[in-house]
Structure formats: C-alpha cells, structure tokens
Amino acid sequence: MKQYELDGLEAVWAVVMCGSVRTITGSVYIPPGDFKAMKLFDTVIGNIISSHSHVIVGLDANARSLLWDDKCIGISQYRASIKMGTSLENIIDKYNFDVLNDGSCTYHSGRYLSSPDITISVGLVNIN
C-alpha cells in the first residue's frame, strides 16, 4: 500500500484477507520523542480510515500510557515517552481504535520492564 507511505514515517502497509474481510495491516516505528512522526502517523491513519473499515497496526511507538502500560504509574508527565503516549491516546480516541495489548511488558532490559509497543485495531472486534 505505497499510497500510505510518507517521508518521515517509518511504516509499511499491506492488505490482508481473512475470509471475506479485507484488512489494512501496518507496522510502524516512531523514534523516541519524535512528535513529528507521531503527527505523520495521525495523518496516515486518517487517510486509511477514510476508505477502509478494518485496520490493525503494530507500533513500536516509544510511547507509554496507562491504557497499555501499567508500569508507567508514577512517571513524570513531562517525560517524552509519556507525552508521546498522550499523543497516541488522542489518535486512538480520534479514530475509535481498540487497544489490543493485555498489559504485558513488551520491553525487557535487566530489571527494567515497560510497554512502549502497542497494537491497535478498528473494525475487527466481533467479526464473524
């Protein structure tokens, strides 16, 4: 889906068919603190949602939020990862995405655990 590629956003998009359900699937990387890339992601998602009702996206978003990362309790709201999480929350809300994470950590380094990665979808819950 080359039409959804934007300079400044590291992402790949494809159509996946499961039975008769046509789903746009994306894999996106947003570098730590890259608010410009987050804004580009918002733009691309808006374009996709305008013409597709089934979307699933896996993001290495370097973004933390209580919606998908309970390990960020107590972290300053001024940290870039938390601000990125707030930006991503706004996108999730704006386009009515479901968060598919179950709270499990997605990043492990020694004793450090967090969930900067997230999978979101729209139009895929309760599909028969």
N, C-alpha and C. Protein backbone atom coordinates (compact mmCIF):
# COMPACT_ATOMS: atom_id res chain seq x y z
N MET A 1 0.84 -1.17 0.00
CA MET A 1 0.00 0.00 0.00
C MET A 1 0.89 1.25 0.00
N LYS A 2 1.62 1.41 -1.07
CA LYS A 2 2.58 2.51 -1.19
C LYS A 2 1.93 3.89 -1.04
N GLN A 3 0.64 3.99 -1.31
CA GLN A 3 -0.03 5.29 -1.21
C GLN A 3 -0.07 5.82 0.21
N TYR A 4 0.20 4.97 1.19
CA TYR A 4 0.19 5.40 2.58
C TYR A 4 1.60 5.67 3.13
N GLU A 5 2.60 5.60 2.28
CA GLU A 5 3.96 5.90 2.72
C GLU A 5 4.18 7.41 2.72
N LEU A 6 4.76 7.90 3.81
CA LEU A 6 5.10 9.33 3.92
C LEU A 6 6.55 9.46 4.34
N ASP A 7 7.26 10.40 3.75
CA ASP A 7 8.62 10.70 4.20
C ASP A 7 8.57 11.14 5.65
N GLY A 8 9.42 10.57 6.48
CA GLY A 8 9.48 10.93 7.89
C GLY A 8 8.73 9.96 8.79
N LEU A 9 8.04 8.97 8.19
CA LEU A 9 7.34 7.96 8.98
C LEU A 9 7.80 6.59 8.51
N GLU A 10 8.45 5.86 9.41
CA GLU A 10 8.93 4.52 9.09
C GLU A 10 7.77 3.54 9.28
N ALA A 11 7.17 3.15 8.15
CA ALA A 11 5.99 2.30 8.22
C ALA A 11 5.86 1.48 6.94
N VAL A 12 5.21 0.34 7.07
CA VAL A 12 4.87 -0.48 5.92
C VAL A 12 3.40 -0.87 6.08
N TRP A 13 2.67 -0.84 4.96
CA TRP A 13 1.23 -1.10 4.96
C TRP A 13 0.92 -2.17 3.93
N ALA A 14 0.01 -3.08 4.27
CA ALA A 14 -0.37 -4.16 3.35
C ALA A 14 -1.84 -4.50 3.54
N VAL A 15 -2.42 -5.11 2.52
CA VAL A 15 -3.78 -5.63 2.61
C VAL A 15 -3.68 -7.11 2.94
N VAL A 16 -4.44 -7.52 3.94
CA VAL A 16 -4.50 -8.92 4.33
C VAL A 16 -5.96 -9.35 4.27
N MET A 17 -6.21 -10.46 3.61
CA MET A 17 -7.57 -11.00 3.53
C MET A 17 -7.68 -12.19 4.47
N CYS A 18 -8.72 -12.18 5.29
CA CYS A 18 -9.04 -13.33 6.14
C CYS A 18 -10.49 -13.66 5.86
N GLY A 19 -10.71 -14.71 5.09
CA GLY A 19 -12.06 -14.98 4.62
C GLY A 19 -12.47 -13.86 3.69
N SER A 20 -13.57 -13.22 3.99
CA SER A 20 -14.04 -12.12 3.14
C SER A 20 -13.72 -10.75 3.74
N VAL A 21 -12.95 -10.73 4.83
CA VAL A 21 -12.63 -9.47 5.49
C VAL A 21 -11.29 -8.93 4.96
N ARG A 22 -11.35 -7.76 4.35
CA ARG A 22 -10.16 -7.09 3.82
C ARG A 22 -9.65 -6.13 4.89
N THR A 23 -8.43 -6.36 5.36
CA THR A 23 -7.87 -5.58 6.46
C THR A 23 -6.58 -4.91 6.03
N ILE A 24 -6.48 -3.62 6.34
CA ILE A 24 -5.22 -2.91 6.14
C ILE A 24 -4.38 -3.17 7.39
N THR A 25 -3.19 -3.67 7.17
CA THR A 25 -2.29 -4.02 8.26
C THR A 25 -1.05 -3.15 8.16
N GLY A 26 -0.63 -2.60 9.31
CA GLY A 26 0.54 -1.74 9.31
C GLY A 26 1.52 -2.09 10.40
N SER A 27 2.77 -1.83 10.12
CA SER A 27 3.84 -1.93 11.10
C SER A 27 4.55 -0.58 11.10
N VAL A 28 4.60 0.05 12.28
CA VAL A 28 5.09 1.44 12.35
C VAL A 28 6.13 1.56 13.45
N TYR A 29 7.21 2.29 13.15
CA TYR A 29 8.23 2.63 14.15
C TYR A 29 8.25 4.14 14.31
N ILE A 30 8.12 4.59 15.56
CA ILE A 30 8.22 6.01 15.86
C ILE A 30 9.37 6.19 16.86
N PRO A 31 10.43 6.89 16.45
CA PRO A 31 11.58 7.06 17.35
C PRO A 31 11.20 7.79 18.64
N PRO A 32 11.95 7.57 19.70
CA PRO A 32 11.67 8.24 20.97
C PRO A 32 11.59 9.77 20.80
N GLY A 33 10.50 10.35 21.28
CA GLY A 33 10.35 11.80 21.27
C GLY A 33 10.10 12.42 19.91
N ASP A 34 9.83 11.62 18.88
CA ASP A 34 9.63 12.16 17.53
C ASP A 34 8.16 12.53 17.33
N PHE A 35 7.80 13.71 17.81
CA PHE A 35 6.42 14.16 17.72
C PHE A 35 5.99 14.43 16.28
N LYS A 36 6.96 14.76 15.42
CA LYS A 36 6.64 14.96 14.00
C LYS A 36 6.18 13.63 13.38
N ALA A 37 6.88 12.55 13.70
CA ALA A 37 6.48 11.24 13.18
C ALA A 37 5.10 10.84 13.72
N MET A 38 4.82 11.18 14.98
CA MET A 38 3.50 10.87 15.55
C MET A 38 2.41 11.63 14.80
N LYS A 39 2.69 12.87 14.44
CA LYS A 39 1.73 13.68 13.68
C LYS A 39 1.54 13.07 12.28
N LEU A 40 2.61 12.61 11.67
CA LEU A 40 2.51 11.95 10.36
C LEU A 40 1.68 10.67 10.47
N PHE A 41 1.86 9.93 11.57
CA PHE A 41 1.07 8.73 11.80
C PHE A 41 -0.42 9.09 11.87
N ASP A 42 -0.74 10.14 12.57
CA ASP A 42 -2.12 10.62 12.65
C ASP A 42 -2.67 10.91 11.25
N THR A 43 -1.90 11.58 10.43
CA THR A 43 -2.31 11.91 9.07
C THR A 43 -2.56 10.65 8.24
N VAL A 44 -1.63 9.70 8.31
CA VAL A 44 -1.77 8.46 7.53
C VAL A 44 -2.99 7.67 8.00
N ILE A 45 -3.16 7.55 9.31
CA ILE A 45 -4.31 6.82 9.84
C ILE A 45 -5.62 7.48 9.39
N GLY A 46 -5.66 8.79 9.39
CA GLY A 46 -6.84 9.49 8.89
C GLY A 46 -7.15 9.14 7.45
N ASN A 47 -6.11 9.09 6.63
CA ASN A 47 -6.27 8.71 5.21
C ASN A 47 -6.76 7.27 5.07
N ILE A 48 -6.19 6.38 5.85
CA ILE A 48 -6.57 4.96 5.78
C ILE A 48 -8.02 4.78 6.23
N ILE A 49 -8.36 5.36 7.38
CA ILE A 49 -9.71 5.21 7.94
C ILE A 49 -10.78 5.80 7.01
N SER A 50 -10.41 6.79 6.23
CA SER A 50 -11.40 7.41 5.34
C SER A 50 -11.89 6.45 4.25
N SER A 51 -11.12 5.40 3.97
CA SER A 51 -11.55 4.48 2.91
C SER A 51 -11.50 2.99 3.30
N HIS A 52 -11.13 2.68 4.54
CA HIS A 52 -11.07 1.28 4.99
C HIS A 52 -11.67 1.16 6.38
N SER A 53 -12.49 0.15 6.57
CA SER A 53 -13.16 -0.01 7.87
C SER A 53 -12.50 -1.05 8.77
N HIS A 54 -11.54 -1.82 8.25
CA HIS A 54 -10.84 -2.83 9.05
C HIS A 54 -9.34 -2.54 9.00
N VAL A 55 -8.79 -2.17 10.16
CA VAL A 55 -7.37 -1.77 10.23
C VAL A 55 -6.77 -2.35 11.49
N ILE A 56 -5.53 -2.85 11.37
CA ILE A 56 -4.76 -3.27 12.54
C ILE A 56 -3.33 -2.75 12.36
N VAL A 57 -2.79 -2.18 13.45
CA VAL A 57 -1.46 -1.58 13.38
C VAL A 57 -0.65 -2.01 14.60
N GLY A 58 0.54 -2.51 14.35
CA GLY A 58 1.51 -2.79 15.40
C GLY A 58 2.52 -1.66 15.41
N LEU A 59 2.69 -1.03 16.57
CA LEU A 59 3.59 0.12 16.66
C LEU A 59 4.69 -0.11 17.68
N ASP A 60 5.90 0.17 17.28
CA ASP A 60 6.98 0.40 18.24
C ASP A 60 6.97 1.92 18.38
N ALA A 61 6.09 2.39 19.26
CA ALA A 61 5.79 3.82 19.33
C ALA A 61 6.66 4.58 20.32
N ASN A 62 7.43 3.86 21.13
CA ASN A 62 8.20 4.52 22.18
C ASN A 62 7.31 5.48 22.96
N ALA A 63 6.09 5.01 23.20
CA ALA A 63 5.07 5.82 23.88
C ALA A 63 4.49 5.01 25.03
N ARG A 64 4.32 5.68 26.15
CA ARG A 64 3.81 4.98 27.34
C ARG A 64 2.53 5.64 27.83
N SER A 65 1.58 4.80 28.20
CA SER A 65 0.29 5.27 28.70
C SER A 65 -0.31 4.18 29.57
N LEU A 66 -1.10 4.59 30.53
CA LEU A 66 -1.79 3.62 31.37
C LEU A 66 -2.77 2.76 30.58
N LEU A 67 -3.14 3.19 29.38
CA LEU A 67 -4.02 2.37 28.55
C LEU A 67 -3.38 1.03 28.18
N TRP A 68 -2.04 1.00 28.08
CA TRP A 68 -1.36 -0.23 27.69
C TRP A 68 -0.11 -0.53 28.51
N ASP A 69 0.22 0.32 29.49
CA ASP A 69 1.47 0.14 30.24
C ASP A 69 1.30 0.55 31.69
N ASP A 70 0.90 -0.40 32.53
CA ASP A 70 0.69 -0.05 33.94
C ASP A 70 2.00 0.19 34.69
N LYS A 71 3.13 -0.09 34.06
CA LYS A 71 4.44 0.17 34.68
C LYS A 71 4.80 1.66 34.64
N CYS A 72 3.99 2.48 33.98
CA CYS A 72 4.33 3.91 33.90
C CYS A 72 3.67 4.72 35.01
N ILE A 73 3.03 4.05 35.93
CA ILE A 73 2.44 4.75 37.08
C ILE A 73 3.56 5.46 37.84
N GLY A 74 3.36 6.72 38.12
CA GLY A 74 4.34 7.48 38.89
C GLY A 74 5.42 8.15 38.07
N ILE A 75 5.46 7.91 36.78
CA ILE A 75 6.45 8.56 35.92
C ILE A 75 5.97 9.98 35.61
N SER A 76 6.89 10.92 35.62
CA SER A 76 6.55 12.32 35.36
C SER A 76 5.84 12.48 34.02
N GLN A 77 4.78 13.26 34.04
CA GLN A 77 4.02 13.53 32.83
C GLN A 77 4.81 14.36 31.82
N TYR A 78 5.96 14.87 32.25
CA TYR A 78 6.79 15.70 31.38
C TYR A 78 7.83 14.90 30.59
N ARG A 79 7.94 13.60 30.87
CA ARG A 79 8.87 12.75 30.11
C ARG A 79 8.37 12.57 28.69
N ALA A 80 9.28 12.51 27.75
CA ALA A 80 8.92 12.41 26.33
C ALA A 80 8.05 11.17 26.07
N SER A 81 8.37 10.05 26.69
CA SER A 81 7.60 8.82 26.42
C SER A 81 6.16 8.95 26.89
N ILE A 82 5.93 9.68 27.96
CA ILE A 82 4.57 9.90 28.46
C ILE A 82 3.83 10.88 27.55
N LYS A 83 4.51 11.94 27.12
CA LYS A 83 3.90 12.89 26.19
C LYS A 83 3.56 12.21 24.86
N MET A 84 4.45 11.32 24.42
CA MET A 84 4.17 10.56 23.20
C MET A 84 2.95 9.67 23.42
N GLY A 85 2.85 9.08 24.61
CA GLY A 85 1.69 8.25 24.94
C GLY A 85 0.40 9.05 24.89
N THR A 86 0.43 10.27 25.40
CA THR A 86 -0.75 11.14 25.35
C THR A 86 -1.13 11.44 23.90
N SER A 87 -0.14 11.70 23.07
CA SER A 87 -0.41 11.96 21.64
C SER A 87 -1.05 10.74 20.99
N LEU A 88 -0.52 9.56 21.31
CA LEU A 88 -1.07 8.34 20.74
C LEU A 88 -2.47 8.05 21.28
N GLU A 89 -2.70 8.33 22.56
CA GLU A 89 -4.06 8.19 23.13
C GLU A 89 -5.04 9.04 22.34
N ASN A 90 -4.66 10.26 22.00
CA ASN A 90 -5.54 11.16 21.25
C ASN A 90 -5.87 10.59 19.87
N ILE A 91 -4.89 9.98 19.22
CA ILE A 91 -5.12 9.35 17.91
C ILE A 91 -6.07 8.16 18.06
N ILE A 92 -5.81 7.34 19.08
CA ILE A 92 -6.66 6.18 19.34
C ILE A 92 -8.10 6.61 19.54
N ASP A 93 -8.29 7.65 20.33
CA ASP A 93 -9.63 8.17 20.61
C ASP A 93 -10.26 8.78 19.36
N LYS A 94 -9.50 9.56 18.64
CA LYS A 94 -9.99 10.27 17.45
C LYS A 94 -10.56 9.31 16.40
N TYR A 95 -9.91 8.15 16.22
CA TYR A 95 -10.32 7.21 15.19
C TYR A 95 -11.01 5.96 15.75
N ASN A 96 -11.34 5.99 17.04
CA ASN A 96 -12.07 4.89 17.69
C ASN A 96 -11.36 3.55 17.60
N PHE A 97 -10.05 3.56 17.78
CA PHE A 97 -9.29 2.31 17.79
C PHE A 97 -9.48 1.57 19.10
N ASP A 98 -9.33 0.26 19.04
CA ASP A 98 -9.27 -0.58 20.23
C ASP A 98 -7.81 -0.87 20.52
N VAL A 99 -7.43 -0.85 21.80
CA VAL A 99 -6.08 -1.23 22.21
C VAL A 99 -6.11 -2.73 22.46
N LEU A 100 -5.23 -3.48 21.80
CA LEU A 100 -5.23 -4.93 21.90
C LEU A 100 -4.23 -5.46 22.93
N ASN A 101 -3.38 -4.60 23.47
CA ASN A 101 -2.42 -5.03 24.49
C ASN A 101 -3.16 -5.50 25.73
N ASP A 102 -2.57 -6.48 26.41
CA ASP A 102 -3.19 -7.02 27.63
C ASP A 102 -2.47 -6.57 28.90
N GLY A 103 -1.55 -5.63 28.78
CA GLY A 103 -0.81 -5.15 29.94
C GLY A 103 0.56 -5.80 30.09
N SER A 104 0.83 -6.84 29.31
CA SER A 104 2.13 -7.50 29.38
C SER A 104 3.22 -6.56 28.89
N CYS A 105 4.38 -6.65 29.51
CA CYS A 105 5.51 -5.82 29.10
C CYS A 105 6.00 -6.25 27.72
N THR A 106 6.39 -5.29 26.93
CA THR A 106 6.90 -5.56 25.58
C THR A 106 8.39 -5.26 25.47
N TYR A 107 8.97 -4.69 26.52
CA TYR A 107 10.40 -4.37 26.53
C TYR A 107 10.98 -4.83 27.85
N HIS A 108 12.07 -5.58 27.77
CA HIS A 108 12.77 -6.08 28.96
C HIS A 108 14.26 -5.79 28.82
N SER A 109 14.83 -5.17 29.84
CA SER A 109 16.27 -4.94 29.86
C SER A 109 16.71 -5.01 31.32
N GLY A 110 17.30 -6.13 31.70
CA GLY A 110 17.65 -6.34 33.09
C GLY A 110 16.40 -6.32 33.94
N ARG A 111 16.37 -5.43 34.93
CA ARG A 111 15.18 -5.29 35.78
C ARG A 111 14.16 -4.30 35.21
N TYR A 112 14.54 -3.60 34.16
CA TYR A 112 13.66 -2.58 33.59
C TYR A 112 12.62 -3.25 32.68
N LEU A 113 11.36 -2.98 32.95
CA LEU A 113 10.26 -3.50 32.16
C LEU A 113 9.34 -2.35 31.77
N SER A 114 8.87 -2.36 30.53
CA SER A 114 7.90 -1.35 30.10
C SER A 114 7.14 -1.86 28.89
N SER A 115 6.23 -1.05 28.43
CA SER A 115 5.40 -1.40 27.28
C SER A 115 5.32 -0.23 26.30
N PRO A 116 6.42 0.06 25.62
CA PRO A 116 6.39 1.17 24.66
C PRO A 116 5.78 0.78 23.32
N ASP A 117 5.44 -0.51 23.17
CA ASP A 117 4.89 -1.03 21.93
C ASP A 117 3.40 -1.28 22.11
N ILE A 118 2.65 -1.11 21.06
CA ILE A 118 1.20 -1.21 21.17
C ILE A 118 0.62 -1.74 19.85
N THR A 119 -0.45 -2.51 19.98
CA THR A 119 -1.20 -2.96 18.81
C THR A 119 -2.61 -2.40 18.95
N ILE A 120 -3.05 -1.76 17.87
CA ILE A 120 -4.38 -1.15 17.86
C ILE A 120 -5.15 -1.64 16.64
N SER A 121 -6.46 -1.63 16.75
CA SER A 121 -7.29 -2.03 15.61
C SER A 121 -8.60 -1.26 15.63
N VAL A 122 -9.23 -1.26 14.47
CA VAL A 122 -10.58 -0.72 14.34
C VAL A 122 -11.33 -1.63 13.37
N GLY A 123 -12.59 -1.91 13.72
CA GLY A 123 -13.43 -2.71 12.86
C GLY A 123 -13.18 -4.21 12.92
N LEU A 124 -12.38 -4.68 13.87
CA LEU A 124 -12.05 -6.10 13.91
C LEU A 124 -12.65 -6.83 15.11
N VAL A 125 -13.23 -6.13 16.05
CA VAL A 125 -13.82 -6.77 17.21
C VAL A 125 -15.17 -7.35 16.81
N ASN A 126 -15.40 -8.61 17.18
CA ASN A 126 -16.66 -9.31 16.92
C ASN A 126 -16.97 -9.49 15.43
N ILE A 127 -15.93 -9.72 14.62
CA ILE A 127 -16.18 -10.04 13.21
C ILE A 127 -16.45 -11.53 13.12
N ASN A 128 -17.51 -11.89 12.44
CA ASN A 128 -17.86 -13.30 12.25
C ASN A 128 -17.35 -13.81 10.93
